[in-house]
């Protein structure tokens, strides 16, 4: 701590990102990255952007990323006025907290959820109240109905549990909170869920946030977006242009457009992850693990007789890393990213050795 730190920094508990270790022959199942490379069209688009006139890199990119917004609009059947883009969904969410969730009443989000939410609250001085998940780790929409609040945010599927809320349940929350913004963070929805984007034309208090890091394999480019009523988007644009007018660089824009347009490759990768997830779930259950129902590209599992921290350490000794959260209610769970078939097979074989 330094005497030069502001009071804000002194009081912060920063977000801890997933570990990116440099271990030889590592099987990395801790950060929910896609196990497959991006669409080949992405590399072609980036190469073309560089090859046509690399000198253009001396110029700022389009601050509005109009090409990318147009690709999103075509994909989801919406208008570009309903779209906001940012440097990964984390930046989009950061602007959401400042622009739409900072009010007199506390905001609501689950007690077990994306751990960046309380960090944003601390950074921006947003009051919040956590809502306990049900015993089965699901979100009960009734818990968000009738409580005065300054906004509501939750991932769907939830993280790190992987459990999905139906669109009917989301509509119930929207209808009972007409004066609050409801933010649905859909980082993992493409792996078996149904997006709430079709609801934005009916509810002016709905904002849906997406990332290209997971299902479109672009974690390294940092691209995210939000969809909502134009008035919500205008608020985000006002904050963005007071913070960083050029959140997406030239290569990220063309790469993101190519990824959005290659719908066949996108569907193929999602289907492969879903199939591997189901196989992994079955094999973990056969080893005695309890595995929560997941519609994400990860599973959340615990063993009734084995300590999760010890299991994580034993896997690490075998160059396999998974995510262990030392938090109340979930400290005996491991969050395991769905890797390739070979990586998941190596994981379950290692667990079988450890358990025996």
Protein backbone atom coordinates (compact mmCIF):
# COMPACT_ATOMS: atom_id res chain seq x y z
CA UNK A 1 0.00 0.00 0.00
CA UNK A 2 1.24 3.49 -0.86
CA UNK A 3 0.33 6.86 0.56
CA UNK A 4 -0.45 7.86 -3.02
CA UNK A 5 -3.33 5.38 -3.32
CA UNK A 6 -6.82 6.86 -3.53
CA UNK A 7 -9.51 5.80 -1.09
CA UNK A 8 -11.18 3.88 -3.93
CA UNK A 9 -8.06 1.79 -4.54
CA UNK A 10 -7.50 1.24 -0.82
CA UNK A 11 -10.95 -0.28 -0.49
CA UNK A 12 -10.92 -2.45 -3.62
CA UNK A 13 -10.83 -6.23 -3.65
CA UNK A 14 -9.78 -6.80 -7.28
CA UNK A 15 -11.07 -9.53 -9.53
CA UNK A 16 -8.71 -12.51 -9.79
CA UNK A 17 -8.50 -13.73 -13.41
CA UNK A 18 -8.08 -17.37 -14.27
CA UNK A 19 -4.50 -18.53 -14.05
CA UNK A 20 -2.46 -18.58 -17.25
CA UNK A 21 0.49 -20.77 -16.16
CA UNK A 22 3.51 -21.64 -18.24
CA UNK A 23 3.64 -25.41 -17.70
CA UNK A 24 4.98 -27.85 -20.28
CA UNK A 25 2.36 -30.15 -21.87
CA UNK A 26 -0.37 -28.36 -19.96
CA UNK A 27 -4.03 -29.41 -20.17
CA UNK A 28 -5.71 -26.11 -19.41
CA UNK A 29 -9.29 -26.51 -18.22
CA UNK A 30 -9.59 -23.50 -15.91
CA UNK A 31 -10.63 -20.43 -17.94
CA UNK A 32 -13.48 -21.61 -20.20
CA UNK A 33 -11.66 -20.87 -23.43
CA UNK A 34 -12.86 -22.59 -26.58
CA UNK A 35 -10.98 -25.85 -27.27
CA UNK A 36 -11.02 -25.11 -31.01
CA UNK A 37 -9.32 -22.39 -33.07
CA UNK A 38 -11.36 -19.49 -34.47
CA UNK A 39 -13.04 -19.77 -37.83
CA UNK A 40 -10.49 -19.86 -40.67
CA UNK A 41 -12.28 -16.80 -42.03
CA UNK A 42 -11.00 -14.82 -39.03
CA UNK A 43 -7.37 -15.37 -39.95
CA UNK A 44 -8.10 -14.61 -43.59
CA UNK A 45 -9.83 -11.35 -42.67
CA UNK A 46 -7.00 -10.24 -40.38
CA UNK A 47 -4.37 -11.13 -43.00
CA UNK A 48 -6.31 -9.15 -45.61
CA UNK A 49 -6.55 -6.15 -43.30
CA UNK A 50 -2.79 -6.22 -42.82
CA UNK A 51 -1.93 -7.16 -46.40
CA UNK A 52 -3.98 -4.56 -48.21
CA UNK A 53 -2.34 -1.61 -46.52
CA UNK A 54 -0.59 -2.24 -43.22
CA UNK A 55 0.10 1.47 -42.99
CA UNK A 56 -3.52 1.86 -41.97
CA UNK A 57 -2.50 0.66 -38.51
CA UNK A 58 -1.14 4.17 -37.92
CA UNK A 59 -4.75 5.40 -38.13
CA UNK A 60 -7.37 5.06 -35.43
CA UNK A 61 -10.05 2.40 -36.02
CA UNK A 62 -13.72 3.19 -36.51
CA UNK A 63 -14.88 4.34 -33.04
CA UNK A 64 -18.35 2.93 -33.71
CA UNK A 65 -17.17 -0.38 -35.23
CA UNK A 66 -20.02 -0.05 -37.75
CA UNK A 67 -18.98 -3.15 -39.73
CA UNK A 68 -19.18 -5.28 -36.60
CA UNK A 69 -22.48 -3.78 -35.50
CA UNK A 70 -23.91 -4.54 -38.93
CA UNK A 71 -22.78 -8.17 -38.66
CA UNK A 72 -24.42 -8.49 -35.23
CA UNK A 73 -27.61 -6.92 -36.55
CA UNK A 74 -27.77 -9.37 -39.46
CA UNK A 75 -27.14 -12.34 -37.16
CA UNK A 76 -29.81 -11.46 -34.61
CA UNK A 77 -32.37 -9.62 -36.74
CA UNK A 78 -32.06 -6.31 -34.89
CA UNK A 79 -30.99 -2.75 -35.73
CA UNK A 80 -27.54 -1.26 -35.21
CA UNK A 81 -29.13 1.34 -32.90
CA UNK A 82 -29.80 -1.51 -30.47
CA UNK A 83 -26.13 -2.57 -30.29
CA UNK A 84 -23.17 -1.47 -28.18
CA UNK A 85 -19.70 -2.96 -28.64
CA UNK A 86 -16.67 -3.03 -26.36
CA UNK A 87 -13.27 -4.50 -25.58
CA UNK A 88 -14.58 -7.85 -24.35
CA UNK A 89 -17.81 -8.28 -22.41
CA UNK A 90 -15.96 -7.30 -19.22
CA UNK A 91 -15.52 -3.75 -20.52
CA UNK A 92 -19.14 -3.73 -21.69
CA UNK A 93 -20.26 -4.80 -18.22
CA UNK A 94 -18.05 -2.18 -16.58
CA UNK A 95 -19.83 0.53 -18.59
CA UNK A 96 -23.20 -1.05 -17.72
CA UNK A 97 -22.53 -0.66 -14.01
CA UNK A 98 -21.61 3.00 -14.42
CA UNK A 99 -24.28 3.94 -16.98
CA UNK A 100 -27.30 1.89 -15.94
CA UNK A 101 -26.87 0.33 -12.49
CA UNK A 102 -25.60 3.21 -10.33
CA UNK A 103 -28.77 4.45 -8.59
CA UNK A 104 -30.09 5.17 -5.11
CA UNK A 105 -31.39 1.63 -4.53
CA UNK A 106 -29.02 -1.37 -4.30
CA UNK A 107 -28.78 -3.67 -7.31
CA UNK A 108 -29.51 -7.38 -7.04
CA UNK A 109 -27.45 -10.36 -8.21
CA UNK A 110 -27.00 -13.98 -7.05
CA UNK A 111 -24.76 -14.80 -4.08
CA UNK A 112 -22.95 -17.32 -6.30
CA UNK A 113 -22.26 -15.74 -9.66
CA UNK A 114 -19.63 -14.03 -11.81
CA UNK A 115 -17.15 -12.65 -9.28
CA UNK A 116 -16.53 -9.46 -11.29
CA UNK A 117 -19.94 -8.06 -10.28
CA UNK A 118 -19.01 -7.12 -6.69
CA UNK A 119 -15.69 -5.74 -7.99
CA UNK A 120 -17.53 -3.33 -10.28
CA UNK A 121 -19.73 -2.34 -7.36
CA UNK A 122 -16.67 -1.52 -5.29
CA UNK A 123 -14.99 0.36 -8.13
CA UNK A 124 -17.98 2.54 -8.97
CA UNK A 125 -19.61 2.81 -5.55
CA UNK A 126 -22.71 0.83 -6.53
CA UNK A 127 -24.69 -0.53 -3.58
CA UNK A 128 -25.71 -4.16 -4.00
CA UNK A 129 -27.57 -6.97 -2.29
CA UNK A 130 -26.92 -10.63 -3.07
CA UNK A 131 -29.79 -13.06 -3.50
CA UNK A 132 -29.06 -16.65 -2.38
CA UNK A 133 -29.37 -19.36 -4.98
CA UNK A 134 -31.78 -22.19 -4.23
CA UNK A 135 -30.51 -25.38 -2.60
CA UNK A 136 -29.99 -26.91 -6.04
CA UNK A 137 -27.92 -23.83 -7.05
CA UNK A 138 -30.59 -22.54 -9.44
CA UNK A 139 -31.88 -18.96 -9.67
CA UNK A 140 -35.47 -18.62 -8.42
CA UNK A 141 -37.11 -15.75 -10.33
CA UNK A 142 -39.52 -15.20 -7.43
CA UNK A 143 -36.58 -13.95 -5.37
CA UNK A 144 -36.23 -11.00 -7.77
CA UNK A 145 -39.89 -10.04 -7.79
CA UNK A 146 -41.20 -7.46 -5.34
CA UNK A 147 -37.83 -6.32 -3.96
CA UNK A 148 -37.07 -2.61 -4.43
CA UNK A 149 -33.83 -2.36 -6.41
CA UNK A 150 -31.69 -0.16 -8.62
CA UNK A 151 -31.22 -2.90 -11.21
CA UNK A 152 -30.76 -6.65 -11.60
CA UNK A 153 -27.89 -8.56 -13.21
CA UNK A 154 -27.17 -12.27 -13.57
CA UNK A 155 -25.43 -14.58 -16.05
CA UNK A 156 -27.57 -17.02 -17.98
CA UNK A 157 -26.39 -19.74 -17.78
CA UNK A 158 -25.10 -18.72 -14.38
CA UNK A 159 -21.39 -18.86 -13.65
CA UNK A 160 -19.80 -20.86 -12.16
CA UNK A 161 -22.77 -23.21 -11.73
CA UNK A 162 -23.75 -23.55 -15.40
CA UNK A 163 -27.47 -23.66 -14.58
CA UNK A 164 -29.91 -22.08 -17.04
CA UNK A 165 -32.92 -19.85 -16.48
CA UNK A 166 -35.77 -20.15 -19.00
CA UNK A 167 -36.97 -17.22 -21.08
CA UNK A 168 -40.32 -17.46 -19.28
CA UNK A 169 -38.53 -16.94 -15.96
CA UNK A 170 -36.59 -13.98 -17.37
CA UNK A 171 -39.82 -12.42 -18.62
CA UNK A 172 -41.31 -12.80 -15.16
CA UNK A 173 -38.40 -10.79 -13.73
CA UNK A 174 -38.75 -8.17 -16.46
CA UNK A 175 -42.49 -7.76 -15.96
CA UNK A 176 -42.23 -7.39 -12.19
CA UNK A 177 -39.37 -4.88 -12.40
CA UNK A 178 -40.53 -2.44 -15.11
CA UNK A 179 -38.63 0.48 -13.57
CA UNK A 180 -35.30 -1.38 -13.23
CA UNK A 181 -32.78 -2.38 -15.87
CA UNK A 182 -32.42 -6.16 -16.04
CA UNK A 183 -29.04 -7.23 -17.42
CA UNK A 184 -28.72 -10.79 -18.72
CA UNK A 185 -25.08 -11.77 -19.15
CA UNK A 186 -25.11 -14.46 -21.86
CA UNK A 187 -21.42 -15.36 -22.08
CA UNK A 188 -22.27 -19.08 -22.27
CA UNK A 189 -25.77 -19.15 -23.77
CA UNK A 190 -24.63 -20.59 -27.12
CA UNK A 191 -23.88 -23.99 -25.54
CA UNK A 192 -27.47 -25.06 -25.05
CA UNK A 193 -29.47 -22.07 -23.87
CA UNK A 194 -31.92 -19.72 -25.57
CA UNK A 195 -30.88 -16.08 -25.91
CA UNK A 196 -33.05 -13.30 -24.51
CA UNK A 197 -32.14 -11.02 -27.44
CA UNK A 198 -35.56 -11.60 -29.13
CA UNK A 199 -37.16 -10.01 -26.04
CA UNK A 200 -35.45 -6.62 -26.39
CA UNK A 201 -38.16 -5.27 -28.72
CA UNK A 202 -40.79 -5.99 -26.04
CA UNK A 203 -39.00 -4.81 -22.91
CA UNK A 204 -37.24 -1.44 -22.82
CA UNK A 205 -35.61 -2.39 -19.50
CA UNK A 206 -33.73 -5.43 -20.88
CA UNK A 207 -30.04 -5.43 -21.78
CA UNK A 208 -28.38 -8.62 -23.07
CA UNK A 209 -24.57 -8.92 -23.01
CA UNK A 210 -22.53 -11.26 -25.23
CA UNK A 211 -18.88 -12.13 -25.74
CA UNK A 212 -16.98 -13.62 -28.66
CA UNK A 213 -14.46 -15.18 -26.27
CA UNK A 214 -16.27 -18.48 -25.76
CA UNK A 215 -18.41 -19.87 -28.56
CA UNK A 216 -16.57 -17.95 -31.28
CA UNK A 217 -13.07 -18.71 -29.93
CA UNK A 218 -11.85 -15.11 -29.87
CA UNK A 219 -10.75 -14.67 -26.24
CA UNK A 220 -7.44 -13.31 -27.54
CA UNK A 221 -9.08 -10.49 -29.54
CA UNK A 222 -11.25 -9.11 -26.70
CA UNK A 223 -14.62 -8.44 -28.31
CA UNK A 224 -18.01 -8.13 -26.63
CA UNK A 225 -21.35 -6.44 -27.24
CA UNK A 226 -24.69 -5.59 -25.67
CA UNK A 227 -28.18 -5.49 -27.16
CA UNK A 228 -31.04 -3.40 -25.81
CA UNK A 229 -33.37 -0.46 -26.32
CA UNK A 230 -31.65 2.47 -28.10
CA UNK A 231 -31.99 4.61 -24.96
CA UNK A 232 -29.95 2.08 -22.97
CA UNK A 233 -27.38 1.92 -25.77
CA UNK A 234 -27.08 5.71 -25.79
CA UNK A 235 -26.22 5.68 -22.08
CA UNK A 236 -23.45 3.15 -22.72
CA UNK A 237 -22.11 5.19 -25.63
CA UNK A 238 -21.94 8.28 -23.44
CA UNK A 239 -19.83 6.45 -20.87
CA UNK A 240 -17.66 4.78 -23.52
CA UNK A 241 -16.87 8.07 -25.19
CA UNK A 242 -15.89 9.51 -21.81
CA UNK A 243 -13.52 6.59 -21.22
CA UNK A 244 -12.12 5.13 -24.46
CA UNK A 245 -13.56 6.15 -27.82
CA UNK A 246 -11.74 3.36 -29.69
CA UNK A 247 -12.34 0.12 -27.76
CA UNK A 248 -11.94 -2.22 -30.75
CA UNK A 249 -8.83 -2.09 -32.93
CA UNK A 250 -8.84 -2.63 -36.69
CA UNK A 251 -7.88 -6.30 -36.50
CA UNK A 252 -10.46 -7.06 -33.82
CA UNK A 253 -13.22 -5.47 -35.91
CA UNK A 254 -12.54 -7.45 -39.08
CA UNK A 255 -11.89 -10.65 -37.12
CA UNK A 256 -15.15 -10.27 -35.20
CA UNK A 257 -17.12 -9.68 -38.40
CA UNK A 258 -15.67 -12.85 -39.94
CA UNK A 259 -16.47 -14.86 -36.82
CA UNK A 260 -20.08 -13.65 -36.76
CA UNK A 261 -20.57 -14.41 -40.44
CA UNK A 262 -19.23 -17.99 -40.34
CA UNK A 263 -22.41 -19.44 -38.86
CA UNK A 264 -21.68 -22.99 -40.02
CA UNK A 265 -18.33 -23.13 -38.19
CA UNK A 266 -19.92 -21.56 -35.11
CA UNK A 267 -22.67 -24.20 -35.03
CA UNK A 268 -20.16 -26.99 -35.57
CA UNK A 269 -17.97 -25.88 -32.64
CA UNK A 270 -20.91 -25.42 -30.29
CA UNK A 271 -22.29 -28.87 -31.14
CA UNK A 272 -18.87 -30.44 -30.54
CA UNK A 273 -18.53 -28.76 -27.13
CA UNK A 274 -22.04 -29.86 -26.12
CA UNK A 275 -21.34 -33.47 -27.12
CA UNK A 276 -18.05 -33.52 -25.20
CA UNK A 277 -19.73 -31.91 -22.19
CA UNK A 278 -22.33 -34.66 -22.04
CA UNK A 279 -19.65 -37.36 -22.27
CA UNK A 280 -17.55 -35.64 -19.60
CA UNK A 281 -20.56 -35.30 -17.31
CA UNK A 282 -21.37 -38.99 -17.63
CA UNK A 283 -17.77 -40.04 -16.97
CA UNK A 284 -17.48 -37.79 -13.91
CA UNK A 285 -20.72 -39.16 -12.49
CA UNK A 286 -19.42 -42.68 -13.06
CA UNK A 287 -16.44 -41.72 -10.86
CA UNK A 288 -18.81 -40.68 -8.08
CA UNK A 289 -18.94 -36.93 -8.72
CA UNK A 290 -22.06 -34.85 -8.37
CA UNK A 291 -22.28 -32.71 -11.52
CA UNK A 292 -24.75 -29.84 -11.78
CA UNK A 293 -26.83 -29.66 -14.97
CA UNK A 294 -24.86 -27.42 -17.34
CA UNK A 295 -25.69 -25.51 -20.50
CA UNK A 296 -22.26 -23.85 -20.58
CA UNK A 297 -18.84 -24.87 -21.88
CA UNK A 298 -17.88 -26.03 -18.40
CA UNK A 299 -19.19 -28.33 -15.68
CA UNK A 300 -19.38 -27.75 -11.94
CA UNK A 301 -18.64 -30.89 -9.98
CA UNK A 302 -17.86 -32.14 -6.46
CA UNK A 303 -16.96 -35.50 -4.98
CA UNK A 304 -18.69 -36.48 -1.73
CA UNK A 305 -15.57 -38.11 -0.24
CA UNK A 306 -12.73 -35.98 -1.62
CA UNK A 307 -11.63 -32.43 -0.86
CA UNK A 308 -11.82 -30.19 -3.92
CA UNK A 309 -8.62 -28.29 -3.15
CA UNK A 310 -6.71 -31.57 -2.78
CA UNK A 311 -8.14 -32.88 -6.05
CA UNK A 312 -7.16 -29.67 -7.83
CA UNK A 313 -3.61 -29.93 -6.50
CA UNK A 314 -3.31 -33.59 -7.52
CA UNK A 315 -4.48 -32.72 -11.04
CA UNK A 316 -1.99 -29.88 -11.21
CA UNK A 317 0.82 -32.29 -10.37
CA UNK A 318 -0.25 -34.11 -13.52
CA UNK A 319 -0.17 -30.85 -15.58
CA UNK A 320 -3.97 -30.54 -15.61
CA UNK A 321 -5.45 -27.35 -14.17
CA UNK A 322 -9.07 -26.68 -13.27
CA UNK A 323 -10.69 -23.81 -11.32
CA UNK A 324 -11.28 -24.08 -7.58
CA UNK A 325 -13.23 -21.32 -5.81
CA UNK A 326 -12.55 -20.92 -2.08
CA UNK A 327 -15.98 -19.43 -1.45
CA UNK A 328 -18.87 -20.31 0.88
CA UNK A 329 -21.23 -23.03 -0.41
CA UNK A 330 -19.00 -23.91 -3.39
CA UNK A 331 -15.60 -24.57 -1.82
CA UNK A 332 -15.95 -28.29 -2.54
CA UNK A 333 -16.72 -27.80 -6.23
CA UNK A 334 -14.37 -27.77 -9.20
CA UNK A 335 -15.23 -25.83 -12.34
CA UNK A 336 -13.92 -27.79 -15.29
CA UNK A 337 -13.79 -26.30 -18.78
CA UNK A 338 -14.92 -28.58 -21.58
CA UNK A 339 -11.77 -29.17 -23.60
CA UNK A 340 -11.19 -31.46 -26.54
CA UNK A 341 -12.24 -35.09 -26.29
CA UNK A 342 -8.61 -36.02 -25.68
CA UNK A 343 -8.14 -33.42 -22.92
CA UNK A 344 -11.32 -34.49 -21.13
CA UNK A 345 -10.30 -38.14 -21.41
CA UNK A 346 -6.92 -37.33 -19.86
CA UNK A 347 -8.73 -35.52 -17.05
CA UNK A 348 -11.07 -38.38 -16.18
CA UNK A 349 -8.23 -40.92 -16.38
CA UNK A 350 -6.18 -38.78 -14.01
CA UNK A 351 -9.14 -38.46 -11.62
CA UNK A 352 -9.65 -42.23 -11.70
CA UNK A 353 -6.00 -42.71 -10.67
CA UNK A 354 -6.30 -40.11 -7.90
CA UNK A 355 -9.52 -41.58 -6.53
CA UNK A 356 -8.13 -45.09 -6.53
